[in-house]
């Protein structure tokens, strides 16, 4: 069965892979962008196989009063548009308001449509946890600690997802809701723009980290996140939240992988500050960083995320690339695009 899909934020990192997968599966896609006339930002989408026949790009902006109603004559709406930055001038204005308002705008438009049967919301692990605490995280967990001053990006994702579930409970629309909660999304891109997660890898490879710190990330490949969104179209997949993650790697493992693969050219950090003393030192040093980065470091240094991804594997039938493969593929793409030096022969 093929569907007509409304997908917000079509030029995004995950969205590009989702559109590619949707077109490959035979679906019709209506993607929203701020300005369809900016062909330099949409050329990669228009060049995808099937795009000429089944991809339509339309104008919509999260800050508009009603950005989606004119485009919601579809079977399924995928809401993927949301700001993803750690450092902003005004967290309420720059992160929370567009995330929450955009989500509610999409749900309101879908509720007014007689056709929409499902909305798929791209949320985040940020709505599940603010600070790893040793527990195994499941879809039952919610981030209850973030705020406008503590991990404000995490707060924006939490508030947006809570607003979505509150809408479903209050308005009881004629569609159901599936929420995808990815951990740190990495992998090859369709454009030269670097998403926030791949930027971490680029920063390590180009010497922006002075030391190997006690940072450990839960990763998921962008191609697997796209596959989850396609799988979520299946009406047999139950409504609910789905943790979308593969596995963990810490900073020392990533540096070792880069060194083995020939990345870094003498710029990889060598000083190891992942022990108790080094972590305490790095927490103090985080006070000198921009507010968003500093807050992230203080809540994540020395803590490893643990999660249970059995629900998405069971209900959607997904399998995940190992994080080492995703890091390797992301580095190759970053090098091909000139963001990191090519590996030594």
Protein backbone atom coordinates (compact mmCIF):
# COMPACT_ATOMS: atom_id res chain seq x y z
CA UNK A 1 0.00 0.00 0.00
CA UNK A 2 1.30 3.44 -0.90
CA UNK A 3 0.38 6.64 0.93
CA UNK A 4 0.38 10.35 0.37
CA UNK A 5 2.71 11.89 2.98
CA UNK A 6 3.08 15.41 4.35
CA UNK A 7 6.61 15.82 5.73
CA UNK A 8 7.65 19.00 7.50
CA UNK A 9 11.21 20.31 7.47
CA UNK A 10 12.12 18.57 4.22
CA UNK A 11 15.65 19.99 4.02
CA UNK A 12 16.67 18.50 7.37
CA UNK A 13 19.34 15.84 7.87
CA UNK A 14 16.95 13.04 8.86
CA UNK A 15 14.21 14.30 6.55
CA UNK A 16 16.37 13.92 3.44
CA UNK A 17 16.94 10.25 4.16
CA UNK A 18 13.27 9.78 5.04
CA UNK A 19 12.16 11.33 1.74
CA UNK A 20 14.60 9.14 -0.17
CA UNK A 21 13.24 6.02 1.57
CA UNK A 22 9.60 7.08 1.12
CA UNK A 23 10.08 7.69 -2.60
CA UNK A 24 11.87 4.37 -2.97
CA UNK A 25 8.87 2.68 -1.36
CA UNK A 26 6.53 4.28 -3.90
CA UNK A 27 4.89 6.91 -1.67
CA UNK A 28 3.94 10.42 -2.74
CA UNK A 29 5.63 13.07 -0.60
CA UNK A 30 4.68 16.69 0.00
CA UNK A 31 7.63 18.27 1.77
CA UNK A 32 7.49 21.64 3.48
CA UNK A 33 10.38 24.09 3.22
CA UNK A 34 10.65 27.76 4.06
CA UNK A 35 11.14 28.79 0.44
CA UNK A 36 10.75 26.28 -2.43
CA UNK A 37 12.38 28.82 -4.74
CA UNK A 38 15.73 28.37 -2.97
CA UNK A 39 16.80 25.66 -5.39
CA UNK A 40 20.29 25.42 -3.91
CA UNK A 41 18.77 24.05 -0.68
CA UNK A 42 16.36 21.65 -2.38
CA UNK A 43 18.36 20.41 -5.38
CA UNK A 44 19.35 17.18 -3.60
CA UNK A 45 15.70 16.38 -2.95
CA UNK A 46 14.57 17.10 -6.50
CA UNK A 47 17.35 14.86 -7.84
CA UNK A 48 16.23 11.77 -5.87
CA UNK A 49 14.81 8.83 -7.86
CA UNK A 50 11.05 9.23 -8.11
CA UNK A 51 11.11 12.91 -7.09
CA UNK A 52 10.01 14.26 -10.44
CA UNK A 53 6.82 12.22 -10.34
CA UNK A 54 6.08 11.96 -6.60
CA UNK A 55 7.74 14.81 -4.68
CA UNK A 56 6.12 18.19 -4.20
CA UNK A 57 7.81 20.96 -2.22
CA UNK A 58 5.59 23.60 -0.64
CA UNK A 59 6.21 26.67 1.53
CA UNK A 60 5.64 26.52 5.28
CA UNK A 61 7.29 28.10 8.31
CA UNK A 62 6.99 26.89 11.91
CA UNK A 63 6.53 30.46 13.08
CA UNK A 64 3.43 31.02 10.92
CA UNK A 65 0.03 30.87 12.60
CA UNK A 66 -1.19 27.98 10.43
CA UNK A 67 1.65 26.58 8.30
CA UNK A 68 0.25 23.13 7.51
CA UNK A 69 -3.54 23.17 7.01
CA UNK A 70 -3.31 24.04 3.32
CA UNK A 71 -1.17 20.94 2.74
CA UNK A 72 -2.82 18.35 5.02
CA UNK A 73 -4.95 16.52 2.45
CA UNK A 74 -2.77 13.43 2.94
CA UNK A 75 -2.89 9.98 4.51
CA UNK A 76 -0.04 10.45 6.99
CA UNK A 77 1.78 13.50 8.36
CA UNK A 78 5.43 13.24 9.41
CA UNK A 79 6.40 16.17 11.61
CA UNK A 80 10.18 16.42 11.50
CA UNK A 81 10.77 20.18 11.61
CA UNK A 82 12.26 21.45 14.87
CA UNK A 83 15.32 23.57 15.74
CA UNK A 84 18.37 21.59 16.90
CA UNK A 85 21.07 23.78 18.41
CA UNK A 86 22.66 23.85 21.86
CA UNK A 87 23.52 27.53 22.11
CA UNK A 88 20.84 30.15 21.51
CA UNK A 89 20.24 33.71 22.64
CA UNK A 90 16.70 33.18 23.90
CA UNK A 91 15.81 29.50 24.59
CA UNK A 92 12.08 30.19 24.87
CA UNK A 93 11.90 32.09 21.59
CA UNK A 94 14.52 30.16 19.64
CA UNK A 95 13.85 26.59 20.81
CA UNK A 96 10.73 26.00 22.88
CA UNK A 97 8.20 28.16 21.04
CA UNK A 98 8.92 26.87 17.51
CA UNK A 99 9.14 23.25 18.71
CA UNK A 100 5.84 23.34 20.61
CA UNK A 101 3.95 25.60 18.24
CA UNK A 102 5.10 23.68 15.18
CA UNK A 103 3.99 20.40 16.71
CA UNK A 104 0.57 21.74 17.68
CA UNK A 105 0.15 23.34 14.26
CA UNK A 106 0.74 20.00 12.57
CA UNK A 107 -1.64 18.16 14.89
CA UNK A 108 -4.33 20.83 14.46
CA UNK A 109 -4.01 20.68 10.68
CA UNK A 110 -4.20 16.88 10.74
CA UNK A 111 -7.28 16.99 12.97
CA UNK A 112 -9.03 19.31 10.52
CA UNK A 113 -8.30 16.96 7.63
CA UNK A 114 -10.79 14.20 6.94
CA UNK A 115 -8.06 12.07 5.44
CA UNK A 116 -5.12 11.88 7.88
CA UNK A 117 -5.06 8.52 9.68
CA UNK A 118 -1.72 8.87 11.49
CA UNK A 119 0.79 11.49 12.57
CA UNK A 120 4.42 10.46 13.10
CA UNK A 121 6.38 12.86 15.31
CA UNK A 122 10.17 12.97 15.32
CA UNK A 123 10.97 13.53 18.97
CA UNK A 124 14.29 12.70 20.65
CA UNK A 125 16.00 10.84 23.44
CA UNK A 126 16.09 14.33 24.95
CA UNK A 127 12.42 13.83 25.84
CA UNK A 128 13.33 10.61 27.66
CA UNK A 129 16.34 11.66 29.73
CA UNK A 130 18.19 14.84 30.63
CA UNK A 131 21.04 13.08 32.41
CA UNK A 132 21.96 9.38 32.25
CA UNK A 133 21.67 7.90 35.72
CA UNK A 134 22.58 4.24 35.25
CA UNK A 135 19.03 2.99 34.73
CA UNK A 136 17.99 1.21 31.54
CA UNK A 137 15.76 3.69 29.76
CA UNK A 138 12.48 2.62 28.17
CA UNK A 139 9.59 4.38 26.48
CA UNK A 140 8.02 4.83 29.92
CA UNK A 141 10.74 7.30 30.95
CA UNK A 142 10.33 11.07 30.63
CA UNK A 143 12.82 13.88 31.01
CA UNK A 144 11.66 15.81 34.07
CA UNK A 145 14.82 17.82 34.78
CA UNK A 146 15.53 20.06 31.79
CA UNK A 147 14.54 23.73 31.81
CA UNK A 148 15.20 26.97 29.96
CA UNK A 149 18.57 27.15 31.74
CA UNK A 150 19.45 23.46 31.99
CA UNK A 151 19.79 21.72 28.61
CA UNK A 152 17.22 23.99 26.93
CA UNK A 153 17.25 21.98 23.68
CA UNK A 154 16.27 18.91 25.70
CA UNK A 155 13.54 20.99 27.32
CA UNK A 156 12.16 22.04 23.94
CA UNK A 157 11.89 18.45 22.73
CA UNK A 158 10.26 17.35 25.97
CA UNK A 159 7.71 20.17 25.90
CA UNK A 160 6.89 19.52 22.24
CA UNK A 161 6.28 15.82 22.76
CA UNK A 162 4.27 16.36 25.93
CA UNK A 163 2.16 18.90 24.05
CA UNK A 164 1.51 16.28 21.38
CA UNK A 165 0.31 13.63 23.82
CA UNK A 166 -1.77 16.23 25.71
CA UNK A 167 -3.40 17.18 22.39
CA UNK A 168 -4.24 13.55 21.68
CA UNK A 169 -5.78 13.09 25.12
CA UNK A 170 -7.71 16.36 25.08
CA UNK A 171 -8.94 16.56 21.47
CA UNK A 172 -9.21 12.84 20.64
CA UNK A 173 -8.69 13.40 16.90
CA UNK A 174 -9.49 10.90 14.20
CA UNK A 175 -5.85 9.85 13.77
CA UNK A 176 -3.34 8.12 16.02
CA UNK A 177 0.17 9.19 16.98
CA UNK A 178 3.51 7.44 16.66
CA UNK A 179 6.58 9.11 18.20
CA UNK A 180 10.15 8.23 17.22
CA UNK A 181 12.75 9.00 19.91
CA UNK A 182 16.22 8.78 18.32
CA UNK A 183 19.44 9.03 20.27
CA UNK A 184 22.44 10.80 18.67
CA UNK A 185 21.82 10.63 14.90
CA UNK A 186 24.92 10.28 12.73
CA UNK A 187 25.80 9.02 9.27
CA UNK A 188 26.24 10.24 5.69
CA UNK A 189 24.44 13.39 4.58
CA UNK A 190 22.80 14.47 1.34
CA UNK A 191 24.27 17.98 1.46
CA UNK A 192 27.39 19.76 2.66
CA UNK A 193 25.60 21.05 5.77
CA UNK A 194 26.74 19.32 8.98
CA UNK A 195 24.11 18.29 11.50
CA UNK A 196 24.86 18.85 15.19
CA UNK A 197 25.71 15.20 15.90
CA UNK A 198 28.09 14.74 12.97
CA UNK A 199 29.71 18.02 14.03
CA UNK A 200 30.92 16.27 17.20
CA UNK A 201 32.85 13.77 15.07
CA UNK A 202 34.26 16.57 12.91
CA UNK A 203 35.36 18.48 16.01
CA UNK A 204 37.20 15.44 17.40
CA UNK A 205 38.94 14.78 14.06
CA UNK A 206 40.03 18.39 13.61
CA UNK A 207 41.50 18.89 17.07
CA UNK A 208 38.83 20.99 18.75
CA UNK A 209 38.80 18.70 21.79
CA UNK A 210 41.92 19.23 23.93
CA UNK A 211 41.59 15.89 25.72
CA UNK A 212 39.75 12.58 25.74
CA UNK A 213 36.90 13.14 28.15
CA UNK A 214 34.48 10.80 29.90
CA UNK A 215 31.74 11.28 27.33
CA UNK A 216 29.73 8.33 26.06
CA UNK A 217 26.99 8.63 23.48
CA UNK A 218 24.08 6.48 22.38
CA UNK A 219 24.14 6.44 18.59
CA UNK A 220 21.75 5.63 15.78
CA UNK A 221 22.37 5.74 12.04
CA UNK A 222 20.36 8.34 10.13
CA UNK A 223 19.41 5.68 7.56
CA UNK A 224 17.92 3.54 10.33
CA UNK A 225 15.98 6.52 11.69
CA UNK A 226 14.57 7.04 8.18
CA UNK A 227 13.62 3.36 8.05
CA UNK A 228 11.77 3.76 11.35
CA UNK A 229 9.67 6.58 9.90
CA UNK A 230 8.78 4.49 6.88
CA UNK A 231 7.92 1.50 9.08
CA UNK A 232 5.70 3.76 11.19
CA UNK A 233 3.36 4.19 8.22
CA UNK A 234 2.18 0.62 8.66
CA UNK A 235 -1.22 0.70 10.39
CA UNK A 236 -0.30 -2.55 12.16
CA UNK A 237 2.43 -0.69 14.07
CA UNK A 238 0.79 0.40 17.34
CA UNK A 239 0.54 4.01 18.41
CA UNK A 240 3.08 5.04 21.03
CA UNK A 241 6.69 6.04 21.67
CA UNK A 242 9.67 4.19 20.20
CA UNK A 243 13.27 4.49 21.36
CA UNK A 244 15.37 4.48 18.19
CA UNK A 245 19.00 3.68 19.02
CA UNK A 246 21.69 1.18 18.16
CA UNK A 247 24.44 1.19 20.79
CA UNK A 248 27.05 3.23 22.61
CA UNK A 249 30.56 4.46 21.95
CA UNK A 250 32.64 6.61 24.23
CA UNK A 251 35.09 9.29 23.18
CA UNK A 252 38.14 7.07 23.68
CA UNK A 253 36.65 4.41 21.36
CA UNK A 254 35.89 7.03 18.71
CA UNK A 255 39.43 8.45 18.89
CA UNK A 256 40.85 4.93 18.58
CA UNK A 257 38.63 4.24 15.54
CA UNK A 258 39.75 7.50 13.92
CA UNK A 259 43.37 6.67 14.53
CA UNK A 260 42.97 3.18 13.03
CA UNK A 261 41.21 4.60 9.97
CA UNK A 262 43.80 7.32 9.43
CA UNK A 263 41.76 10.36 10.42
CA UNK A 264 43.04 13.24 12.49
CA UNK A 265 46.56 13.77 11.08
CA UNK A 266 48.12 14.48 14.45
CA UNK A 267 45.16 16.48 15.75
CA UNK A 268 43.44 13.73 17.70
CA UNK A 269 43.48 14.31 21.46
CA UNK A 270 46.01 12.24 23.40
CA UNK A 271 45.62 13.53 26.93
CA UNK A 272 43.19 11.26 28.77
CA UNK A 273 40.97 13.03 31.28
CA UNK A 274 38.29 10.37 31.57
CA UNK A 275 39.07 9.39 35.15
CA UNK A 276 37.53 10.82 38.29
CA UNK A 277 39.99 13.71 38.59
CA UNK A 278 39.87 14.53 34.89
CA UNK A 279 36.08 14.48 34.86
CA UNK A 280 35.93 16.83 37.84
CA UNK A 281 38.38 19.14 36.06
CA UNK A 282 36.31 19.09 32.87
CA UNK A 283 33.14 19.88 34.81
CA UNK A 284 34.86 22.96 36.22
CA UNK A 285 36.10 23.91 32.75
CA UNK A 286 32.56 23.60 31.39
CA UNK A 287 31.76 26.86 33.20
CA UNK A 288 33.88 28.67 30.61
CA UNK A 289 31.85 27.28 27.69
CA UNK A 290 28.72 28.79 26.12
CA UNK A 291 25.66 28.10 28.27
CA UNK A 292 24.18 25.29 26.17
CA UNK A 293 27.44 23.38 25.77
CA UNK A 294 28.38 23.91 29.42
CA UNK A 295 25.04 22.58 30.64
CA UNK A 296 25.35 19.53 28.39
CA UNK A 297 28.86 18.73 29.65
CA UNK A 298 27.94 19.02 33.31
CA UNK A 299 24.99 16.65 32.91
CA UNK A 300 26.77 14.07 30.71
CA UNK A 301 30.42 13.88 31.73
CA UNK A 302 31.12 10.57 33.43
CA UNK A 303 27.65 9.18 32.69
CA UNK A 304 26.75 6.51 30.13
CA UNK A 305 23.24 6.13 28.68
CA UNK A 306 21.63 2.69 28.81
CA UNK A 307 18.47 1.91 26.89
CA UNK A 308 16.15 -0.86 25.78
CA UNK A 309 15.37 -0.76 22.05
CA UNK A 310 13.42 -4.02 22.00
CA UNK A 311 10.07 -2.34 21.36
CA UNK A 312 11.05 -0.78 18.03
CA UNK A 313 12.79 -3.97 16.94
CA UNK A 314 9.75 -6.05 17.85
CA UNK A 315 6.92 -3.77 16.67
CA UNK A 316 8.58 -2.34 13.55
CA UNK A 317 10.91 -5.22 12.71
CA UNK A 318 13.91 -2.89 12.60
CA UNK A 319 17.55 -3.89 12.74
CA UNK A 320 20.28 -1.37 13.44
CA UNK A 321 23.72 -0.77 12.02
CA UNK A 322 26.38 -1.00 14.73
CA UNK A 323 27.60 2.43 15.86
CA UNK A 324 31.13 1.71 14.59
CA UNK A 325 29.77 1.37 11.05
CA UNK A 326 27.78 4.59 11.37
CA UNK A 327 30.79 6.53 12.69
CA UNK A 328 32.99 5.17 9.90
CA UNK A 329 30.45 6.08 7.22
CA UNK A 330 29.91 9.53 8.71
CA UNK A 331 33.66 10.20 8.74
CA UNK A 332 34.01 9.10 5.12
CA UNK A 333 31.22 11.48 4.14
CA UNK A 334 32.68 14.34 6.18
CA UNK A 335 36.04 13.80 4.48
CA UNK A 336 34.47 13.63 1.01
CA UNK A 337 32.77 16.96 1.67
CA UNK A 338 35.96 18.59 2.95
CA UNK A 339 34.90 18.96 6.58
CA UNK A 340 37.71 16.77 7.88
CA UNK A 341 41.02 15.91 6.23
CA UNK A 342 40.94 12.73 4.17
CA UNK A 343 42.48 9.75 5.94
CA UNK A 344 46.13 8.98 5.39
CA UNK A 345 46.80 6.34 2.77
